[in-house]
């Protein structure tokens, strides 16, 4: 497979298929790590049974978000891999069902991101000072044109690219930890 950099999700059915907490975790794990997994391995990752995990993998494959990977052994196990290294959610704004499906998916992502922030806040006092001091929750208002915002977004992506987990898995620096960066940029009015 020639791996795609981004998988663009525009179809309302694909957006609805992805809008499930376990499916988001599966796709994110595969996109981030670039690994292949079995339904049993996914079950451990998302806290479901292997049969439920298998169902979710088949549904994700149905919409091109994952695919079967070559077997790593005697061929009896079914392995799965990502079809890209990141997702671009881009529901068709002219299709009400796609806009609603996109909104449901974004709401799910935002809920998960909020839970991650709360988990960090609950445990940060037990973390080493270097991690507490290097972590950040930021909110800044900027005055920019649409072109400047697009440029800023691209520069942020470019800044983060060398640190992506997938690229660093083989040789991480000493003391490295997986960190989530949540970034949003949109007009207030």
N, C-alpha and C. Protein backbone atom coordinates (compact mmCIF):
# COMPACT_ATOMS: atom_id res chain seq x y z
N UNK A 1 0.85 -1.19 0.00
CA UNK A 1 0.00 0.00 0.00
C UNK A 1 0.88 1.24 0.00
N UNK A 2 0.64 2.16 -0.90
CA UNK A 2 1.29 3.45 -0.85
C UNK A 2 0.48 4.30 0.11
N UNK A 3 1.05 4.58 1.26
CA UNK A 3 0.30 5.24 2.32
C UNK A 3 -0.03 6.67 1.96
N UNK A 4 -1.27 7.04 2.22
CA UNK A 4 -1.71 8.41 2.04
C UNK A 4 -1.31 9.22 3.26
N UNK A 5 -1.02 10.47 3.07
CA UNK A 5 -0.72 11.33 4.20
C UNK A 5 -2.00 11.65 4.98
N UNK A 6 -3.05 12.02 4.26
CA UNK A 6 -4.31 12.39 4.90
C UNK A 6 -5.45 11.62 4.28
N UNK A 7 -6.41 11.24 5.09
CA UNK A 7 -7.65 10.66 4.59
C UNK A 7 -8.71 11.72 4.82
N UNK A 8 -9.31 12.19 3.75
CA UNK A 8 -10.35 13.22 3.86
C UNK A 8 -11.70 12.53 3.99
N UNK A 9 -12.43 12.84 5.05
CA UNK A 9 -13.73 12.23 5.32
C UNK A 9 -14.79 13.30 5.05
N UNK A 10 -15.58 13.08 4.00
CA UNK A 10 -16.59 14.05 3.61
C UNK A 10 -18.00 13.48 3.60
N UNK A 11 -18.11 12.20 3.37
CA UNK A 11 -19.40 11.53 3.24
C UNK A 11 -20.11 11.41 4.58
N UNK A 12 -21.39 11.71 4.60
CA UNK A 12 -22.16 11.68 5.85
C UNK A 12 -22.15 10.29 6.48
N UNK A 13 -22.22 9.24 5.67
CA UNK A 13 -22.21 7.88 6.22
C UNK A 13 -20.87 7.57 6.88
N UNK A 14 -19.78 8.00 6.25
CA UNK A 14 -18.45 7.78 6.84
C UNK A 14 -18.28 8.59 8.12
N UNK A 15 -18.78 9.81 8.12
CA UNK A 15 -18.72 10.64 9.33
C UNK A 15 -19.49 9.99 10.47
N UNK A 16 -20.68 9.46 10.16
CA UNK A 16 -21.48 8.79 11.20
C UNK A 16 -20.78 7.51 11.67
N UNK A 17 -20.16 6.80 10.74
CA UNK A 17 -19.45 5.57 11.11
C UNK A 17 -18.30 5.86 12.07
N UNK A 18 -17.64 6.97 11.86
CA UNK A 18 -16.50 7.33 12.70
C UNK A 18 -16.94 7.88 14.06
N UNK A 19 -18.15 8.40 14.14
CA UNK A 19 -18.63 9.07 15.36
C UNK A 19 -18.99 8.09 16.46
N UNK A 20 -18.01 7.34 16.91
CA UNK A 20 -18.17 6.39 18.01
C UNK A 20 -16.85 6.41 18.77
N UNK A 21 -16.89 6.51 20.09
CA UNK A 21 -15.63 6.64 20.86
C UNK A 21 -14.61 5.54 20.56
N UNK A 22 -15.05 4.30 20.44
CA UNK A 22 -14.10 3.21 20.17
C UNK A 22 -13.50 3.36 18.78
N UNK A 23 -14.29 3.75 17.81
CA UNK A 23 -13.78 3.88 16.44
C UNK A 23 -12.78 5.03 16.34
N UNK A 24 -13.05 6.11 17.03
CA UNK A 24 -12.09 7.22 17.03
C UNK A 24 -10.77 6.74 17.63
N UNK A 25 -10.83 6.01 18.72
CA UNK A 25 -9.60 5.51 19.36
C UNK A 25 -8.85 4.54 18.46
N UNK A 26 -9.58 3.69 17.75
CA UNK A 26 -8.94 2.73 16.84
C UNK A 26 -8.22 3.48 15.72
N UNK A 27 -8.93 4.37 15.05
CA UNK A 27 -8.34 5.11 13.94
C UNK A 27 -7.16 5.95 14.41
N UNK A 28 -7.32 6.61 15.55
CA UNK A 28 -6.22 7.43 16.05
C UNK A 28 -4.99 6.57 16.36
N UNK A 29 -5.19 5.44 17.02
CA UNK A 29 -4.06 4.56 17.34
C UNK A 29 -3.34 4.12 16.07
N UNK A 30 -4.09 3.68 15.07
CA UNK A 30 -3.47 3.23 13.83
C UNK A 30 -2.80 4.37 13.08
N UNK A 31 -3.43 5.53 13.04
CA UNK A 31 -2.83 6.69 12.36
C UNK A 31 -1.54 7.13 13.05
N UNK A 32 -1.57 7.19 14.37
CA UNK A 32 -0.43 7.69 15.13
C UNK A 32 0.75 6.73 15.09
N UNK A 33 0.46 5.44 15.26
CA UNK A 33 1.56 4.48 15.38
C UNK A 33 2.00 3.89 14.05
N UNK A 34 1.10 3.86 13.07
CA UNK A 34 1.44 3.21 11.81
C UNK A 34 1.52 1.71 11.93
N UNK A 35 1.04 1.16 13.04
CA UNK A 35 1.14 -0.28 13.29
C UNK A 35 -0.04 -1.02 12.67
N UNK A 36 0.02 -2.34 12.74
CA UNK A 36 -1.12 -3.17 12.38
C UNK A 36 -1.61 -3.83 13.66
N UNK A 37 -2.90 -4.14 13.70
CA UNK A 37 -3.49 -4.72 14.90
C UNK A 37 -4.49 -5.80 14.52
N UNK A 38 -4.74 -6.69 15.48
CA UNK A 38 -5.82 -7.66 15.36
C UNK A 38 -7.00 -7.14 16.17
N UNK A 39 -8.15 -7.76 15.99
CA UNK A 39 -9.33 -7.38 16.77
C UNK A 39 -9.09 -7.61 18.26
N UNK A 40 -8.33 -8.65 18.60
CA UNK A 40 -8.02 -8.91 20.01
C UNK A 40 -7.16 -7.80 20.59
N UNK A 41 -6.18 -7.33 19.82
CA UNK A 41 -5.34 -6.21 20.29
C UNK A 41 -6.17 -4.94 20.43
N UNK A 42 -7.07 -4.71 19.50
CA UNK A 42 -7.95 -3.54 19.58
C UNK A 42 -8.84 -3.63 20.81
N UNK A 43 -9.31 -4.83 21.11
CA UNK A 43 -10.17 -5.02 22.29
C UNK A 43 -9.47 -4.52 23.54
N UNK A 44 -8.18 -4.83 23.69
CA UNK A 44 -7.43 -4.35 24.84
C UNK A 44 -7.26 -2.85 24.83
N UNK A 45 -7.18 -2.28 23.66
CA UNK A 45 -7.00 -0.84 23.50
C UNK A 45 -8.26 -0.06 23.86
N UNK A 46 -9.41 -0.55 23.43
CA UNK A 46 -10.65 0.22 23.59
C UNK A 46 -11.60 -0.35 24.64
N UNK A 47 -11.23 -1.46 25.26
CA UNK A 47 -12.05 -2.01 26.33
C UNK A 47 -13.31 -2.70 25.88
N UNK A 48 -13.29 -3.29 24.70
CA UNK A 48 -14.43 -4.04 24.19
C UNK A 48 -14.03 -5.49 23.96
N UNK A 49 -14.98 -6.32 23.64
CA UNK A 49 -14.68 -7.72 23.33
C UNK A 49 -14.02 -7.79 21.94
N UNK A 50 -13.28 -8.86 21.67
CA UNK A 50 -12.71 -9.02 20.32
C UNK A 50 -13.78 -9.03 19.22
N UNK A 51 -14.93 -9.63 19.49
CA UNK A 51 -15.97 -9.65 18.45
C UNK A 51 -16.53 -8.25 18.20
N UNK A 52 -16.74 -7.47 19.25
CA UNK A 52 -17.20 -6.08 19.06
C UNK A 52 -16.13 -5.27 18.35
N UNK A 53 -14.87 -5.48 18.70
CA UNK A 53 -13.77 -4.77 18.04
C UNK A 53 -13.69 -5.14 16.57
N UNK A 54 -13.89 -6.40 16.26
CA UNK A 54 -13.89 -6.86 14.87
C UNK A 54 -15.00 -6.16 14.08
N UNK A 55 -16.17 -6.05 14.69
CA UNK A 55 -17.28 -5.35 14.04
C UNK A 55 -16.90 -3.90 13.73
N UNK A 56 -16.31 -3.20 14.71
CA UNK A 56 -15.92 -1.81 14.50
C UNK A 56 -14.86 -1.69 13.41
N UNK A 57 -13.91 -2.60 13.38
CA UNK A 57 -12.88 -2.58 12.34
C UNK A 57 -13.50 -2.78 10.95
N UNK A 58 -14.45 -3.70 10.84
CA UNK A 58 -15.11 -3.92 9.54
C UNK A 58 -15.91 -2.69 9.10
N UNK A 59 -16.56 -2.03 10.06
CA UNK A 59 -17.30 -0.82 9.72
C UNK A 59 -16.36 0.30 9.27
N UNK A 60 -15.24 0.44 9.95
CA UNK A 60 -14.26 1.45 9.55
C UNK A 60 -13.70 1.14 8.16
N UNK A 61 -13.48 -0.13 7.88
CA UNK A 61 -12.97 -0.54 6.56
C UNK A 61 -14.01 -0.26 5.48
N UNK A 62 -15.25 -0.43 5.81
CA UNK A 62 -16.34 -0.20 4.85
C UNK A 62 -16.29 1.23 4.29
N UNK A 63 -15.80 2.17 5.10
CA UNK A 63 -15.73 3.57 4.67
C UNK A 63 -14.31 4.04 4.37
N UNK A 64 -13.40 3.10 4.21
CA UNK A 64 -12.04 3.44 3.77
C UNK A 64 -11.16 4.05 4.84
N UNK A 65 -11.50 3.87 6.11
CA UNK A 65 -10.71 4.47 7.19
C UNK A 65 -9.63 3.53 7.71
N UNK A 66 -9.83 2.24 7.54
CA UNK A 66 -8.81 1.22 7.82
C UNK A 66 -8.92 0.17 6.71
N UNK A 67 -7.93 -0.71 6.65
CA UNK A 67 -7.96 -1.78 5.67
C UNK A 67 -7.24 -3.00 6.22
N UNK A 68 -7.50 -4.14 5.62
CA UNK A 68 -6.80 -5.35 6.04
C UNK A 68 -5.33 -5.21 5.66
N UNK A 69 -4.48 -5.70 6.55
CA UNK A 69 -3.04 -5.69 6.33
C UNK A 69 -2.58 -7.13 6.12
N UNK A 70 -1.43 -7.32 5.51
CA UNK A 70 -0.91 -8.68 5.35
C UNK A 70 -0.73 -9.36 6.70
N UNK A 71 -0.98 -10.65 6.73
CA UNK A 71 -0.83 -11.43 7.95
C UNK A 71 0.64 -11.50 8.35
N UNK A 72 0.88 -11.61 9.64
CA UNK A 72 2.25 -11.72 10.14
C UNK A 72 2.48 -13.09 10.75
N UNK A 73 2.19 -14.11 10.02
CA UNK A 73 2.39 -15.45 10.58
C UNK A 73 1.77 -16.49 9.69
N UNK A 74 0.94 -17.32 10.29
CA UNK A 74 0.38 -18.45 9.55
C UNK A 74 -0.86 -18.08 8.74
N UNK A 75 -1.23 -16.81 8.73
CA UNK A 75 -2.35 -16.35 7.92
C UNK A 75 -3.71 -16.51 8.56
N UNK A 76 -3.77 -17.05 9.77
CA UNK A 76 -5.06 -17.24 10.42
C UNK A 76 -5.58 -15.97 11.08
N UNK A 77 -4.68 -15.08 11.44
CA UNK A 77 -5.14 -13.86 12.10
C UNK A 77 -5.38 -12.77 11.06
N UNK A 78 -6.41 -12.00 11.30
CA UNK A 78 -6.73 -10.87 10.41
C UNK A 78 -6.15 -9.62 11.05
N UNK A 79 -5.26 -8.97 10.32
CA UNK A 79 -4.62 -7.75 10.81
C UNK A 79 -5.19 -6.56 10.06
N UNK A 80 -5.18 -5.41 10.73
CA UNK A 80 -5.74 -4.18 10.18
C UNK A 80 -4.72 -3.06 10.29
N UNK A 81 -4.80 -2.11 9.36
CA UNK A 81 -3.93 -0.95 9.38
C UNK A 81 -4.72 0.28 8.90
N UNK A 82 -4.14 1.42 9.16
CA UNK A 82 -4.73 2.68 8.75
C UNK A 82 -4.56 2.85 7.24
N UNK A 83 -5.43 3.65 6.65
CA UNK A 83 -5.27 4.00 5.24
C UNK A 83 -4.54 5.32 5.07
N UNK A 84 -4.13 5.94 6.16
CA UNK A 84 -3.39 7.20 6.11
C UNK A 84 -2.78 7.49 7.46
N UNK A 85 -2.16 8.64 7.57
CA UNK A 85 -1.55 8.99 8.86
C UNK A 85 -2.31 10.08 9.59
N UNK A 86 -3.35 10.62 8.97
CA UNK A 86 -4.19 11.59 9.66
C UNK A 86 -5.53 11.69 8.94
N UNK A 87 -6.51 12.20 9.66
CA UNK A 87 -7.85 12.41 9.11
C UNK A 87 -8.11 13.89 8.92
N UNK A 88 -8.80 14.21 7.86
CA UNK A 88 -9.32 15.56 7.64
C UNK A 88 -10.84 15.42 7.58
N UNK A 89 -11.50 16.00 8.55
CA UNK A 89 -12.96 15.94 8.60
C UNK A 89 -13.49 17.14 7.83
N UNK A 90 -14.28 16.88 6.80
CA UNK A 90 -14.70 17.95 5.90
C UNK A 90 -16.07 17.60 5.31
N UNK A 91 -17.09 17.63 6.18
CA UNK A 91 -18.44 17.32 5.72
C UNK A 91 -18.92 18.35 4.70
N UNK A 92 -19.71 17.91 3.76
CA UNK A 92 -20.26 18.78 2.72
C UNK A 92 -21.29 19.71 3.34
N UNK A 93 -20.95 21.00 3.44
CA UNK A 93 -21.81 21.99 4.10
C UNK A 93 -23.15 22.14 3.39
N UNK A 94 -23.24 21.76 2.12
CA UNK A 94 -24.49 21.88 1.37
C UNK A 94 -25.42 20.70 1.62
N UNK A 95 -24.94 19.67 2.30
CA UNK A 95 -25.74 18.49 2.60
C UNK A 95 -26.08 18.48 4.08
N UNK A 96 -27.34 18.76 4.45
CA UNK A 96 -27.70 18.83 5.87
C UNK A 96 -27.32 17.58 6.67
N UNK A 97 -27.45 16.39 6.08
CA UNK A 97 -27.11 15.18 6.82
C UNK A 97 -25.60 15.10 7.06
N UNK A 98 -24.80 15.59 6.11
CA UNK A 98 -23.35 15.60 6.30
C UNK A 98 -22.95 16.62 7.36
N UNK A 99 -23.60 17.78 7.35
CA UNK A 99 -23.29 18.80 8.36
C UNK A 99 -23.65 18.29 9.76
N UNK A 100 -24.77 17.61 9.88
CA UNK A 100 -25.18 17.07 11.19
C UNK A 100 -24.23 15.96 11.63
N UNK A 101 -23.81 15.11 10.72
CA UNK A 101 -22.89 14.03 11.05
C UNK A 101 -21.52 14.60 11.45
N UNK A 102 -21.09 15.64 10.73
CA UNK A 102 -19.82 16.28 11.07
C UNK A 102 -19.90 16.89 12.47
N UNK A 103 -20.99 17.54 12.77
CA UNK A 103 -21.17 18.16 14.08
C UNK A 103 -21.14 17.11 15.20
N UNK A 104 -21.81 15.98 14.98
CA UNK A 104 -21.80 14.91 15.99
C UNK A 104 -20.38 14.38 16.20
N UNK A 105 -19.63 14.24 15.13
CA UNK A 105 -18.26 13.75 15.24
C UNK A 105 -17.37 14.76 15.95
N UNK A 106 -17.49 16.02 15.59
CA UNK A 106 -16.70 17.07 16.25
C UNK A 106 -17.07 17.15 17.73
N UNK A 107 -18.35 17.04 18.05
CA UNK A 107 -18.76 17.05 19.47
C UNK A 107 -18.10 15.91 20.23
N UNK A 108 -18.00 14.75 19.62
CA UNK A 108 -17.35 13.61 20.26
C UNK A 108 -15.86 13.87 20.49
N UNK A 109 -15.20 14.44 19.50
CA UNK A 109 -13.79 14.80 19.65
C UNK A 109 -13.61 15.84 20.77
N UNK A 110 -14.46 16.86 20.79
CA UNK A 110 -14.34 17.90 21.80
C UNK A 110 -14.58 17.35 23.20
N UNK A 111 -15.53 16.44 23.34
CA UNK A 111 -15.78 15.82 24.64
C UNK A 111 -14.55 15.04 25.08
N UNK A 112 -13.97 14.28 24.17
CA UNK A 112 -12.77 13.51 24.51
C UNK A 112 -11.62 14.44 24.89
N UNK A 113 -11.46 15.52 24.13
CA UNK A 113 -10.38 16.46 24.43
C UNK A 113 -10.59 17.13 25.78
N UNK A 114 -11.82 17.48 26.10
CA UNK A 114 -12.11 18.07 27.41
C UNK A 114 -11.80 17.08 28.53
N UNK A 115 -12.15 15.81 28.33
CA UNK A 115 -11.83 14.79 29.33
C UNK A 115 -10.32 14.65 29.52
N UNK A 116 -9.57 14.76 28.43
CA UNK A 116 -8.10 14.69 28.53
C UNK A 116 -7.56 15.85 29.36
N UNK A 117 -8.10 17.05 29.13
CA UNK A 117 -7.66 18.21 29.91
C UNK A 117 -7.98 18.02 31.38
N UNK A 118 -9.19 17.55 31.68
CA UNK A 118 -9.58 17.32 33.07
C UNK A 118 -8.71 16.26 33.73
N UNK A 119 -8.38 15.21 33.00
CA UNK A 119 -7.50 14.17 33.54
C UNK A 119 -6.14 14.76 33.87
N UNK A 120 -5.61 15.61 32.98
CA UNK A 120 -4.32 16.26 33.24
C UNK A 120 -4.41 17.15 34.48
N UNK A 121 -5.46 17.95 34.57
CA UNK A 121 -5.61 18.84 35.72
C UNK A 121 -5.70 18.06 37.02
N UNK A 122 -6.35 16.90 36.99
CA UNK A 122 -6.48 16.08 38.19
C UNK A 122 -5.15 15.47 38.61
N UNK A 123 -4.26 15.22 37.68
CA UNK A 123 -3.02 14.52 38.04
C UNK A 123 -1.77 15.39 37.97
N UNK A 124 -1.88 16.62 37.50
CA UNK A 124 -0.69 17.44 37.26
C UNK A 124 0.16 17.67 38.51
N UNK A 125 -0.46 17.74 39.67
CA UNK A 125 0.30 18.02 40.89
C UNK A 125 1.21 16.86 41.28
N UNK A 126 0.94 15.68 40.76
CA UNK A 126 1.80 14.53 41.00
C UNK A 126 2.89 14.36 39.95
N UNK A 127 2.91 15.26 38.97
CA UNK A 127 3.89 15.19 37.88
C UNK A 127 5.16 15.95 38.25
N UNK A 128 6.29 15.58 37.65
CA UNK A 128 7.53 16.33 37.87
C UNK A 128 7.37 17.80 37.44
N UNK A 129 8.08 18.67 38.12
CA UNK A 129 7.98 20.10 37.84
C UNK A 129 8.26 20.42 36.38
N UNK A 130 9.23 19.73 35.78
CA UNK A 130 9.56 20.03 34.37
C UNK A 130 8.38 19.80 33.45
N UNK A 131 7.54 18.80 33.74
CA UNK A 131 6.36 18.55 32.92
C UNK A 131 5.25 19.53 33.24
N UNK A 132 5.07 19.88 34.50
CA UNK A 132 4.05 20.89 34.85
C UNK A 132 4.38 22.22 34.21
N UNK A 133 5.65 22.61 34.26
CA UNK A 133 6.06 23.92 33.75
C UNK A 133 6.09 23.97 32.22
N UNK A 134 6.30 22.84 31.57
CA UNK A 134 6.35 22.86 30.11
C UNK A 134 4.98 22.66 29.47
N UNK A 135 3.98 22.28 30.26
CA UNK A 135 2.63 22.12 29.74
C UNK A 135 1.94 23.47 29.68
N UNK A 136 0.92 23.57 28.84
CA UNK A 136 0.27 24.87 28.68
C UNK A 136 -1.20 24.71 28.27
N UNK A 137 -2.02 25.59 28.78
CA UNK A 137 -3.37 25.80 28.29
C UNK A 137 -3.39 27.27 27.87
N UNK A 138 -3.56 27.53 26.58
CA UNK A 138 -3.46 28.90 26.08
C UNK A 138 -4.75 29.32 25.39
N UNK A 139 -5.01 30.58 25.48
CA UNK A 139 -6.14 31.19 24.77
C UNK A 139 -5.70 32.59 24.39
N UNK A 140 -5.53 32.82 23.12
CA UNK A 140 -5.14 34.15 22.65
C UNK A 140 -6.07 34.56 21.52
N UNK A 141 -6.42 35.82 21.50
CA UNK A 141 -7.23 36.34 20.40
C UNK A 141 -6.31 37.10 19.46
N UNK A 142 -6.44 36.80 18.18
CA UNK A 142 -5.61 37.40 17.14
C UNK A 142 -6.50 38.17 16.19
N UNK A 143 -5.93 39.13 15.50
CA UNK A 143 -6.64 39.87 14.47
C UNK A 143 -5.95 39.55 13.15
N UNK A 144 -6.57 38.68 12.34
CA UNK A 144 -5.94 38.18 11.12
C UNK A 144 -6.95 38.10 9.99
N UNK A 145 -6.44 38.10 8.78
CA UNK A 145 -7.28 37.85 7.61
C UNK A 145 -7.40 36.33 7.43
N UNK A 146 -8.29 35.90 6.56
CA UNK A 146 -8.45 34.47 6.29
C UNK A 146 -7.13 33.89 5.74
N UNK A 147 -6.45 34.63 4.89
CA UNK A 147 -5.18 34.16 4.34
C UNK A 147 -4.12 34.03 5.44
N UNK A 148 -4.09 35.00 6.36
CA UNK A 148 -3.13 34.93 7.46
C UNK A 148 -3.44 33.76 8.39
N UNK A 149 -4.73 33.50 8.62
CA UNK A 149 -5.11 32.37 9.47
C UNK A 149 -4.69 31.06 8.81
N UNK A 150 -4.92 30.94 7.52
CA UNK A 150 -4.49 29.73 6.80
C UNK A 150 -2.98 29.55 6.90
N UNK A 151 -2.24 30.65 6.76
CA UNK A 151 -0.78 30.58 6.88
C UNK A 151 -0.36 30.18 8.29
N UNK A 152 -1.01 30.76 9.30
CA UNK A 152 -0.71 30.42 10.69
C UNK A 152 -0.97 28.93 10.96
N UNK A 153 -2.11 28.44 10.49
CA UNK A 153 -2.44 27.02 10.67
C UNK A 153 -1.38 26.13 10.03
N UNK A 154 -0.93 26.48 8.83
CA UNK A 154 0.09 25.67 8.16
C UNK A 154 1.41 25.74 8.92
N UNK A 155 1.75 26.89 9.44
CA UNK A 155 3.00 27.02 10.21
C UNK A 155 2.95 26.19 11.48
N UNK A 156 1.78 26.14 12.14
CA UNK A 156 1.64 25.31 13.34
C UNK A 156 1.80 23.84 12.97
N UNK A 157 1.16 23.41 11.87
CA UNK A 157 1.32 22.02 11.42
C UNK A 157 2.79 21.72 11.15
N UNK A 158 3.46 22.63 10.45
CA UNK A 158 4.87 22.43 10.12
C UNK A 158 5.74 22.36 11.38
N UNK A 159 5.42 23.17 12.39
CA UNK A 159 6.17 23.14 13.65
C UNK A 159 6.02 21.80 14.36
N UNK A 160 4.83 21.23 14.31
CA UNK A 160 4.57 19.98 15.03
C UNK A 160 5.07 18.75 14.28
N UNK A 161 5.18 18.82 12.99
CA UNK A 161 5.48 17.64 12.17
C UNK A 161 6.70 16.84 12.64
N UNK A 162 7.83 17.46 12.97
CA UNK A 162 8.98 16.65 13.38
C UNK A 162 8.78 15.87 14.69
N UNK A 163 7.75 16.22 15.44
CA UNK A 163 7.53 15.60 16.74
C UNK A 163 6.43 14.54 16.73
N UNK A 164 5.83 14.28 15.58
CA UNK A 164 4.74 13.30 15.51
C UNK A 164 5.21 11.95 16.01
N UNK A 165 4.35 11.26 16.75
CA UNK A 165 4.69 9.97 17.36
C UNK A 165 5.18 8.99 16.32
N UNK A 166 4.49 8.89 15.21
CA UNK A 166 4.82 7.90 14.18
C UNK A 166 6.27 8.04 13.72
N UNK A 167 6.71 9.26 13.53
CA UNK A 167 8.07 9.50 13.04
C UNK A 167 9.12 9.25 14.11
N UNK A 168 8.73 9.29 15.38
CA UNK A 168 9.71 9.21 16.47
C UNK A 168 9.69 7.89 17.21
N UNK A 169 8.81 6.98 16.87
CA UNK A 169 8.68 5.74 17.61
C UNK A 169 9.98 4.93 17.66
N UNK A 170 10.71 4.90 16.58
CA UNK A 170 11.91 4.06 16.51
C UNK A 170 13.05 4.58 17.38
N UNK A 171 13.15 5.89 17.54
CA UNK A 171 14.28 6.46 18.26
C UNK A 171 13.87 7.70 19.06
N UNK A 172 13.03 7.53 20.08
CA UNK A 172 12.60 8.70 20.85
C UNK A 172 13.72 9.23 21.74
N UNK A 173 13.73 10.54 21.99
CA UNK A 173 14.74 11.08 22.89
C UNK A 173 14.51 10.60 24.33
N UNK A 174 15.54 10.61 25.12
CA UNK A 174 15.44 10.19 26.53
C UNK A 174 14.37 11.03 27.24
N UNK A 175 13.52 10.38 27.99
CA UNK A 175 12.50 11.07 28.77
C UNK A 175 11.28 11.50 27.98
N UNK A 176 11.20 11.11 26.70
CA UNK A 176 10.07 11.52 25.86
C UNK A 176 8.79 10.86 26.35
N UNK A 177 7.69 11.61 26.28
CA UNK A 177 6.36 11.11 26.62
C UNK A 177 5.41 11.51 25.51
N UNK A 178 4.35 10.74 25.34
CA UNK A 178 3.34 11.10 24.36
C UNK A 178 2.57 12.31 24.92
N UNK A 179 2.44 13.34 24.12
CA UNK A 179 1.78 14.59 24.50
C UNK A 179 0.70 14.89 23.48
N UNK A 180 -0.43 15.39 23.93
CA UNK A 180 -1.48 15.80 23.00
C UNK A 180 -1.44 17.32 22.88
N UNK A 181 -1.53 17.80 21.65
CA UNK A 181 -1.64 19.24 21.39
C UNK A 181 -3.03 19.46 20.77
N UNK A 182 -3.84 20.23 21.47
CA UNK A 182 -5.17 20.54 20.97
C UNK A 182 -5.13 21.97 20.44
N UNK A 183 -5.49 22.13 19.20
CA UNK A 183 -5.36 23.42 18.56
C UNK A 183 -6.64 23.72 17.80
N UNK A 184 -7.23 24.86 18.05
CA UNK A 184 -8.38 25.31 17.28
C UNK A 184 -8.15 26.77 16.90
N UNK A 185 -8.64 27.13 15.76
CA UNK A 185 -8.53 28.52 15.30
C UNK A 185 -9.75 28.82 14.44
N UNK A 186 -10.56 29.79 14.86
CA UNK A 186 -11.79 30.11 14.14
C UNK A 186 -12.23 31.52 14.50
N UNK A 187 -13.01 32.17 13.62
CA UNK A 187 -13.48 33.53 13.91
C UNK A 187 -14.48 33.54 15.07
N UNK A 188 -14.37 34.55 15.93
CA UNK A 188 -15.31 34.71 17.04
C UNK A 188 -16.62 35.35 16.60
N UNK A 189 -16.56 36.22 15.62
CA UNK A 189 -17.80 36.89 15.18
C UNK A 189 -17.86 36.98 13.69
